[in-house]
Amino acid sequence: GTERLRITPSPYHDDGLVDALAEALLQVW
């Protein structure tokens, strides 16, 4: 009941990658 996606950003995940992640997650959701 607490299943999740565990995200671990690194120093090398730039703003472009973060924005792309958010957009992809919204589509999947």
PDB file of all heavy atoms in Angstrom:
ATOM      1  N   GLY A   1       0.787  -1.217   0.000  1.00  0.00           N
ATOM      2  CA  GLY A   1       0.000   0.000   0.000  1.00  0.00           C
ATOM      3  C   GLY A   1       0.822   1.271   0.000  1.00  0.00           C
ATOM      4  O   GLY A   1       0.282   2.371  -0.111  1.00  0.00           O
ATOM      5  N   THR A   2       2.157   1.123   0.125  1.00  0.00           N
ATOM      6  CA  THR A   2       3.039   2.296   0.087  1.00  0.00           C
ATOM      7  C   THR A   2       4.022   2.215  -1.079  1.00  0.00           C
ATOM      8  O   THR A   2       5.088   2.830  -1.053  1.00  0.00           O
ATOM      9  CB  THR A   2       3.817   2.467   1.403  1.00  0.00           C
ATOM     10  OG1 THR A   2       4.775   1.403   1.538  1.00  0.00           O
ATOM     11  CG2 THR A   2       2.889   2.473   2.602  1.00  0.00           C
ATOM     12  N   GLU A   3       3.676   1.436  -2.102  1.00  0.00           N
ATOM     13  CA  GLU A   3       4.546   1.281  -3.268  1.00  0.00           C
ATOM     14  C   GLU A   3       4.869   2.651  -3.855  1.00  0.00           C
ATOM     15  O   GLU A   3       4.036   3.553  -3.858  1.00  0.00           O
ATOM     16  CB  GLU A   3       3.882   0.396  -4.314  1.00  0.00           C
ATOM     17  CG  GLU A   3       3.680  -1.053  -3.869  1.00  0.00           C
ATOM     18  CD  GLU A   3       2.424  -1.274  -3.045  1.00  0.00           C
ATOM     19  OE1 GLU A   3       1.644  -0.310  -2.864  1.00  0.00           O
ATOM     20  OE2 GLU A   3       2.214  -2.413  -2.564  1.00  0.00           O
ATOM     21  N   ARG A   4       6.096   2.763  -4.388  1.00  0.00           N
ATOM     22  CA  ARG A   4       6.544   4.084  -4.833  1.00  0.00           C
ATOM     23  C   ARG A   4       7.625   3.977  -5.897  1.00  0.00           C
ATOM     24  O   ARG A   4       8.226   2.908  -6.101  1.00  0.00           O
ATOM     25  CB  ARG A   4       7.119   4.855  -3.639  1.00  0.00           C
ATOM     26  CG  ARG A   4       8.417   4.238  -3.120  1.00  0.00           C
ATOM     27  CD  ARG A   4       8.734   4.652  -1.713  1.00  0.00           C
ATOM     28  NE  ARG A   4       7.747   4.170  -0.760  1.00  0.00           N
ATOM     29  CZ  ARG A   4       7.809   4.414   0.552  1.00  0.00           C
ATOM     30  NH1 ARG A   4       8.789   5.131   1.034  1.00  0.00           N
ATOM     31  NH2 ARG A   4       6.889   3.951   1.363  1.00  0.00           N
ATOM     32  N   LEU A   5       7.881   5.102  -6.534  1.00  0.00           N
ATOM     33  CA  LEU A   5       9.081   5.276  -7.336  1.00  0.00           C
ATOM     34  C   LEU A   5      10.071   6.065  -6.477  1.00  0.00           C
ATOM     35  O   LEU A   5       9.718   7.109  -5.935  1.00  0.00           O
ATOM     36  CB  LEU A   5       8.778   6.026  -8.631  1.00  0.00           C
ATOM     37  CG  LEU A   5       7.784   5.370  -9.590  1.00  0.00           C
ATOM     38  CD1 LEU A   5       7.531   6.286 -10.785  1.00  0.00           C
ATOM     39  CD2 LEU A   5       8.283   4.006 -10.063  1.00  0.00           C
ATOM     40  N   ARG A   6      11.275   5.551  -6.343  1.00  0.00           N
ATOM     41  CA  ARG A   6      12.283   6.200  -5.497  1.00  0.00           C
ATOM     42  C   ARG A   6      13.291   6.897  -6.401  1.00  0.00           C
ATOM     43  O   ARG A   6      14.069   6.258  -7.096  1.00  0.00           O
ATOM     44  CB  ARG A   6      12.967   5.164  -4.602  1.00  0.00           C
ATOM     45  CG  ARG A   6      14.095   5.699  -3.735  1.00  0.00           C
ATOM     46  CD  ARG A   6      14.659   4.556  -2.903  1.00  0.00           C
ATOM     47  NE  ARG A   6      15.842   4.937  -2.161  1.00  0.00           N
ATOM     48  CZ  ARG A   6      17.087   4.849  -2.629  1.00  0.00           C
ATOM     49  NH1 ARG A   6      17.297   4.409  -3.865  1.00  0.00           N
ATOM     50  NH2 ARG A   6      18.112   5.193  -1.882  1.00  0.00           N
ATOM     51  N   ILE A   7      13.264   8.230  -6.366  1.00  0.00           N
ATOM     52  CA  ILE A   7      14.084   9.047  -7.256  1.00  0.00           C
ATOM     53  C   ILE A   7      15.283   9.573  -6.486  1.00  0.00           C
ATOM     54  O   ILE A   7      15.148  10.066  -5.357  1.00  0.00           O
ATOM     55  CB  ILE A   7      13.241  10.210  -7.822  1.00  0.00           C
ATOM     56  CG1 ILE A   7      12.060   9.651  -8.627  1.00  0.00           C
ATOM     57  CG2 ILE A   7      14.083  11.137  -8.676  1.00  0.00           C
ATOM     58  CD1 ILE A   7      10.999  10.681  -8.956  1.00  0.00           C
ATOM     59  N   THR A   8      16.464   9.461  -7.078  1.00  0.00           N
ATOM     60  CA  THR A   8      17.684   9.916  -6.409  1.00  0.00           C
ATOM     61  C   THR A   8      18.480  10.829  -7.348  1.00  0.00           C
ATOM     62  O   THR A   8      19.356  10.373  -8.085  1.00  0.00           O
ATOM     63  CB  THR A   8      18.556   8.718  -5.969  1.00  0.00           C
ATOM     64  OG1 THR A   8      18.830   7.887  -7.109  1.00  0.00           O
ATOM     65  CG2 THR A   8      17.844   7.896  -4.905  1.00  0.00           C
ATOM     66  N   PRO A   9      18.196  12.131  -7.312  1.00  0.00           N
ATOM     67  CA  PRO A   9      18.947  13.067  -8.158  1.00  0.00           C
ATOM     68  C   PRO A   9      20.422  13.102  -7.764  1.00  0.00           C
ATOM     69  O   PRO A   9      20.762  12.976  -6.588  1.00  0.00           O
ATOM     70  CB  PRO A   9      18.273  14.418  -7.863  1.00  0.00           C
ATOM     71  CG  PRO A   9      16.979  14.084  -7.193  1.00  0.00           C
ATOM     72  CD  PRO A   9      17.193  12.797  -6.484  1.00  0.00           C
ATOM     73  N   SER A  10      21.275  13.291  -8.742  1.00  0.00           N
ATOM     74  CA  SER A  10      22.715  13.413  -8.498  1.00  0.00           C
ATOM     75  C   SER A  10      23.153  14.832  -8.831  1.00  0.00           C
ATOM     76  O   SER A  10      22.365  15.625  -9.366  1.00  0.00           O
ATOM     77  CB  SER A  10      23.479  12.421  -9.386  1.00  0.00           C
ATOM     78  OG  SER A  10      23.566  12.920 -10.714  1.00  0.00           O
ATOM     79  N   PRO A  11      24.409  15.184  -8.559  1.00  0.00           N
ATOM     80  CA  PRO A  11      24.894  16.510  -8.963  1.00  0.00           C
ATOM     81  C   PRO A  11      24.826  16.744 -10.467  1.00  0.00           C
ATOM     82  O   PRO A  11      24.921  17.888 -10.918  1.00  0.00           O
ATOM     83  CB  PRO A  11      26.349  16.509  -8.471  1.00  0.00           C
ATOM     84  CG  PRO A  11      26.385  15.520  -7.361  1.00  0.00           C
ATOM     85  CD  PRO A  11      25.415  14.457  -7.760  1.00  0.00           C
ATOM     86  N   TYR A  12      24.661  15.677 -11.254  1.00  0.00           N
ATOM     87  CA  TYR A  12      24.742  15.774 -12.703  1.00  0.00           C
ATOM     88  C   TYR A  12      23.378  15.746 -13.386  1.00  0.00           C
ATOM     89  O   TYR A  12      23.307  15.726 -14.622  1.00  0.00           O
ATOM     90  CB  TYR A  12      25.646  14.665 -13.235  1.00  0.00           C
ATOM     91  CG  TYR A  12      27.028  14.744 -12.633  1.00  0.00           C
ATOM     92  CD1 TYR A  12      27.380  13.940 -11.550  1.00  0.00           C
ATOM     93  CD2 TYR A  12      27.956  15.664 -13.097  1.00  0.00           C
ATOM     94  CE1 TYR A  12      28.634  14.036 -10.961  1.00  0.00           C
ATOM     95  CE2 TYR A  12      29.206  15.773 -12.516  1.00  0.00           C
ATOM     96  CZ  TYR A  12      29.542  14.961 -11.453  1.00  0.00           C
ATOM     97  OH  TYR A  12      30.786  15.074 -10.865  1.00  0.00           O
ATOM     98  N   HIS A  13      22.302  15.763 -12.619  1.00  0.00           N
ATOM     99  CA  HIS A  13      20.962  15.877 -13.202  1.00  0.00           C
ATOM    100  C   HIS A  13      20.640  17.368 -13.334  1.00  0.00           C
ATOM    101  O   HIS A  13      20.264  18.025 -12.356  1.00  0.00           O
ATOM    102  CB  HIS A  13      19.923  15.189 -12.321  1.00  0.00           C
ATOM    103  CG  HIS A  13      19.964  13.689 -12.382  1.00  0.00           C
ATOM    104  ND1 HIS A  13      20.819  12.933 -11.602  1.00  0.00           N
ATOM    105  CD2 HIS A  13      19.263  12.797 -13.138  1.00  0.00           C
ATOM    106  CE1 HIS A  13      20.626  11.644 -11.864  1.00  0.00           C
ATOM    107  NE2 HIS A  13      19.694  11.542 -12.803  1.00  0.00           N
ATOM    108  N   ASP A  14      20.784  17.896 -14.540  1.00  0.00           N
ATOM    109  CA  ASP A  14      20.607  19.338 -14.736  1.00  0.00           C
ATOM    110  C   ASP A  14      19.124  19.694 -14.863  1.00  0.00           C
ATOM    111  O   ASP A  14      18.242  18.826 -14.829  1.00  0.00           O
ATOM    112  CB  ASP A  14      21.408  19.825 -15.950  1.00  0.00           C
ATOM    113  CG  ASP A  14      20.989  19.144 -17.255  1.00  0.00           C
ATOM    114  OD1 ASP A  14      19.822  18.718 -17.374  1.00  0.00           O
ATOM    115  OD2 ASP A  14      21.845  19.060 -18.169  1.00  0.00           O
ATOM    116  N   ASP A  15      18.861  21.001 -15.006  1.00  0.00           N
ATOM    117  CA  ASP A  15      17.476  21.472 -15.052  1.00  0.00           C
ATOM    118  C   ASP A  15      16.689  20.844 -16.204  1.00  0.00           C
ATOM    119  O   ASP A  15      15.503  20.532 -16.067  1.00  0.00           O
ATOM    120  CB  ASP A  15      17.435  22.999 -15.184  1.00  0.00           C
ATOM    121  CG  ASP A  15      17.783  23.711 -13.890  1.00  0.00           C
ATOM    122  OD1 ASP A  15      17.933  23.026 -12.856  1.00  0.00           O
ATOM    123  OD2 ASP A  15      17.911  24.955 -13.905  1.00  0.00           O
ATOM    124  N   GLY A  16      17.349  20.664 -17.346  1.00  0.00           N
ATOM    125  CA  GLY A  16      16.676  20.058 -18.486  1.00  0.00           C
ATOM    126  C   GLY A  16      16.217  18.649 -18.198  1.00  0.00           C
ATOM    127  O   GLY A  16      15.094  18.249 -18.573  1.00  0.00           O
ATOM    128  N   LEU A  17      17.045  17.877 -17.519  1.00  0.00           N
ATOM    129  CA  LEU A  17      16.667  16.505 -17.166  1.00  0.00           C
ATOM    130  C   LEU A  17      15.536  16.500 -16.141  1.00  0.00           C
ATOM    131  O   LEU A  17      14.640  15.645 -16.198  1.00  0.00           O
ATOM    132  CB  LEU A  17      17.879  15.748 -16.633  1.00  0.00           C
ATOM    133  CG  LEU A  17      19.007  15.460 -17.635  1.00  0.00           C
ATOM    134  CD1 LEU A  17      20.151  14.715 -16.961  1.00  0.00           C
ATOM    135  CD2 LEU A  17      18.486  14.658 -18.828  1.00  0.00           C
ATOM    136  N   VAL A  18      15.581  17.435 -15.186  1.00  0.00           N
ATOM    137  CA  VAL A  18      14.517  17.525 -14.179  1.00  0.00           C
ATOM    138  C   VAL A  18      13.184  17.852 -14.843  1.00  0.00           C
ATOM    139  O   VAL A  18      12.148  17.238 -14.555  1.00  0.00           O
ATOM    140  CB  VAL A  18      14.867  18.570 -13.102  1.00  0.00           C
ATOM    141  CG1 VAL A  18      13.699  18.729 -12.117  1.00  0.00           C
ATOM    142  CG2 VAL A  18      16.137  18.176 -12.349  1.00  0.00           C
ATOM    143  N   ASP A  19      13.187  18.829 -15.751  1.00  0.00           N
ATOM    144  CA  ASP A  19      11.951  19.208 -16.443  1.00  0.00           C
ATOM    145  C   ASP A  19      11.412  18.059 -17.291  1.00  0.00           C
ATOM    146  O   ASP A  19      10.194  17.824 -17.342  1.00  0.00           O
ATOM    147  CB  ASP A  19      12.202  20.435 -17.330  1.00  0.00           C
ATOM    148  CG  ASP A  19      12.497  21.696 -16.520  1.00  0.00           C
ATOM    149  OD1 ASP A  19      12.170  21.719 -15.315  1.00  0.00           O
ATOM    150  OD2 ASP A  19      13.071  22.647 -17.088  1.00  0.00           O
ATOM    151  N   ALA A  20      12.306  17.339 -17.960  1.00  0.00           N
ATOM    152  CA  ALA A  20      11.877  16.198 -18.776  1.00  0.00           C
ATOM    153  C   ALA A  20      11.286  15.101 -17.907  1.00  0.00           C
ATOM    154  O   ALA A  20      10.317  14.430 -18.303  1.00  0.00           O
ATOM    155  CB  ALA A  20      13.063  15.664 -19.588  1.00  0.00           C
ATOM    156  N   LEU A  21      11.854  14.899 -16.716  1.00  0.00           N
ATOM    157  CA  LEU A  21      11.324  13.908 -15.786  1.00  0.00           C
ATOM    158  C   LEU A  21       9.898  14.274 -15.384  1.00  0.00           C
ATOM    159  O   LEU A  21       8.999  13.413 -15.401  1.00  0.00           O
ATOM    160  CB  LEU A  21      12.215  13.820 -14.546  1.00  0.00           C
ATOM    161  CG  LEU A  21      11.677  12.970 -13.392  1.00  0.00           C
ATOM    162  CD1 LEU A  21      11.601  11.500 -13.784  1.00  0.00           C
ATOM    163  CD2 LEU A  21      12.550  13.144 -12.142  1.00  0.00           C
ATOM    164  N   ALA A  22       9.678  15.533 -15.026  1.00  0.00           N
ATOM    165  CA  ALA A  22       8.346  15.968 -14.597  1.00  0.00           C
ATOM    166  C   ALA A  22       7.317  15.762 -15.704  1.00  0.00           C
ATOM    167  O   ALA A  22       6.204  15.260 -15.459  1.00  0.00           O
ATOM    168  CB  ALA A  22       8.390  17.432 -14.171  1.00  0.00           C
ATOM    169  N   GLU A  23       7.662  16.130 -16.919  1.00  0.00           N
ATOM    170  CA  GLU A  23       6.740  15.981 -18.039  1.00  0.00           C
ATOM    171  C   GLU A  23       6.421  14.509 -18.304  1.00  0.00           C
ATOM    172  O   GLU A  23       5.263  14.135 -18.542  1.00  0.00           O
ATOM    173  CB  GLU A  23       7.332  16.629 -19.293  1.00  0.00           C
ATOM    174  CG  GLU A  23       6.454  16.520 -20.533  1.00  0.00           C
ATOM    175  CD  GLU A  23       5.080  17.140 -20.352  1.00  0.00           C
ATOM    176  OE1 GLU A  23       4.976  18.157 -19.627  1.00  0.00           O
ATOM    177  OE2 GLU A  23       4.101  16.604 -20.923  1.00  0.00           O
ATOM    178  N   ALA A  24       7.439  13.663 -18.255  1.00  0.00           N
ATOM    179  CA  ALA A  24       7.221  12.239 -18.485  1.00  0.00           C
ATOM    180  C   ALA A  24       6.332  11.635 -17.395  1.00  0.00           C
ATOM    181  O   ALA A  24       5.423  10.837 -17.677  1.00  0.00           O
ATOM    182  CB  ALA A  24       8.566  11.513 -18.540  1.00  0.00           C
ATOM    183  N   LEU A  25       6.587  12.015 -16.154  1.00  0.00           N
ATOM    184  CA  LEU A  25       5.784  11.497 -15.051  1.00  0.00           C
ATOM    185  C   LEU A  25       4.321  11.921 -15.188  1.00  0.00           C
ATOM    186  O   LEU A  25       3.411  11.127 -14.932  1.00  0.00           O
ATOM    187  CB  LEU A  25       6.356  11.976 -13.714  1.00  0.00           C
ATOM    188  CG  LEU A  25       7.637  11.281 -13.243  1.00  0.00           C
ATOM    189  CD1 LEU A  25       8.264  12.035 -12.083  1.00  0.00           C
ATOM    190  CD2 LEU A  25       7.349   9.827 -12.839  1.00  0.00           C
ATOM    191  N   LEU A  26       4.087  13.149 -15.585  1.00  0.00           N
ATOM    192  CA  LEU A  26       2.703  13.614 -15.765  1.00  0.00           C
ATOM    193  C   LEU A  26       1.979  12.801 -16.843  1.00  0.00           C
ATOM    194  O   LEU A  26       0.809  12.446 -16.684  1.00  0.00           O
ATOM    195  CB  LEU A  26       2.692  15.097 -16.127  1.00  0.00           C
ATOM    196  CG  LEU A  26       2.991  16.072 -14.980  1.00  0.00           C
ATOM    197  CD1 LEU A  26       3.147  17.486 -15.511  1.00  0.00           C
ATOM    198  CD2 LEU A  26       1.881  16.016 -13.923  1.00  0.00           C
ATOM    199  N   GLN A  27       2.677  12.490 -17.917  1.00  0.00           N
ATOM    200  CA  GLN A  27       2.066  11.681 -18.973  1.00  0.00           C
ATOM    201  C   GLN A  27       1.754  10.274 -18.477  1.00  0.00           C
ATOM    202  O   GLN A  27       0.687   9.716 -18.764  1.00  0.00           O
ATOM    203  CB  GLN A  27       2.994  11.630 -20.186  1.00  0.00           C
ATOM    204  CG  GLN A  27       3.135  12.961 -20.914  1.00  0.00           C
ATOM    205  CD  GLN A  27       4.010  12.850 -22.153  1.00  0.00           C
ATOM    206  OE1 GLN A  27       4.044  11.807 -22.817  1.00  0.00           O
ATOM    207  NE2 GLN A  27       4.715  13.935 -22.495  1.00  0.00           N
ATOM    208  N   VAL A  28       2.681   9.688 -17.739  1.00  0.00           N
ATOM    209  CA  VAL A  28       2.476   8.339 -17.206  1.00  0.00           C
ATOM    210  C   VAL A  28       1.339   8.335 -16.196  1.00  0.00           C
ATOM    211  O   VAL A  28       0.484   7.431 -16.194  1.00  0.00           O
ATOM    212  CB  VAL A  28       3.785   7.812 -16.573  1.00  0.00           C
ATOM    213  CG1 VAL A  28       3.526   6.551 -15.751  1.00  0.00           C
ATOM    214  CG2 VAL A  28       4.826   7.541 -17.652  1.00  0.00           C
ATOM    215  N   TRP A  29       1.316   9.322 -15.317  1.00  0.00           N
ATOM    216  CA  TRP A  29       0.249   9.414 -14.314  1.00  0.00           C
ATOM    217  C   TRP A  29      -1.121   9.504 -14.999  1.00  0.00           C
ATOM    218  O   TRP A  29      -2.083   8.870 -14.561  1.00  0.00           O
ATOM    219  CB  TRP A  29       0.483  10.634 -13.422  1.00  0.00           C
ATOM    220  CG  TRP A  29       0.829  10.291 -11.996  1.00  0.00           C
ATOM    221  CD1 TRP A  29       0.124  10.630 -10.880  1.00  0.00           C
ATOM    222  CD2 TRP A  29       1.967   9.552 -11.523  1.00  0.00           C
ATOM    223  NE1 TRP A  29       0.750  10.144  -9.748  1.00  0.00           N
ATOM    224  CE2 TRP A  29       1.877   9.476 -10.115  1.00  0.00           C
ATOM    225  CE3 TRP A  29       3.052   8.942 -12.156  1.00  0.00           C
ATOM    226  CZ2 TRP A  29       2.826   8.825  -9.336  1.00  0.00           C
ATOM    227  CZ3 TRP A  29       4.003   8.283 -11.390  1.00  0.00           C
ATOM    228  CH2 TRP A  29       3.891   8.230 -10.004  1.00  0.00           C
TER     229      TRP A  29
END
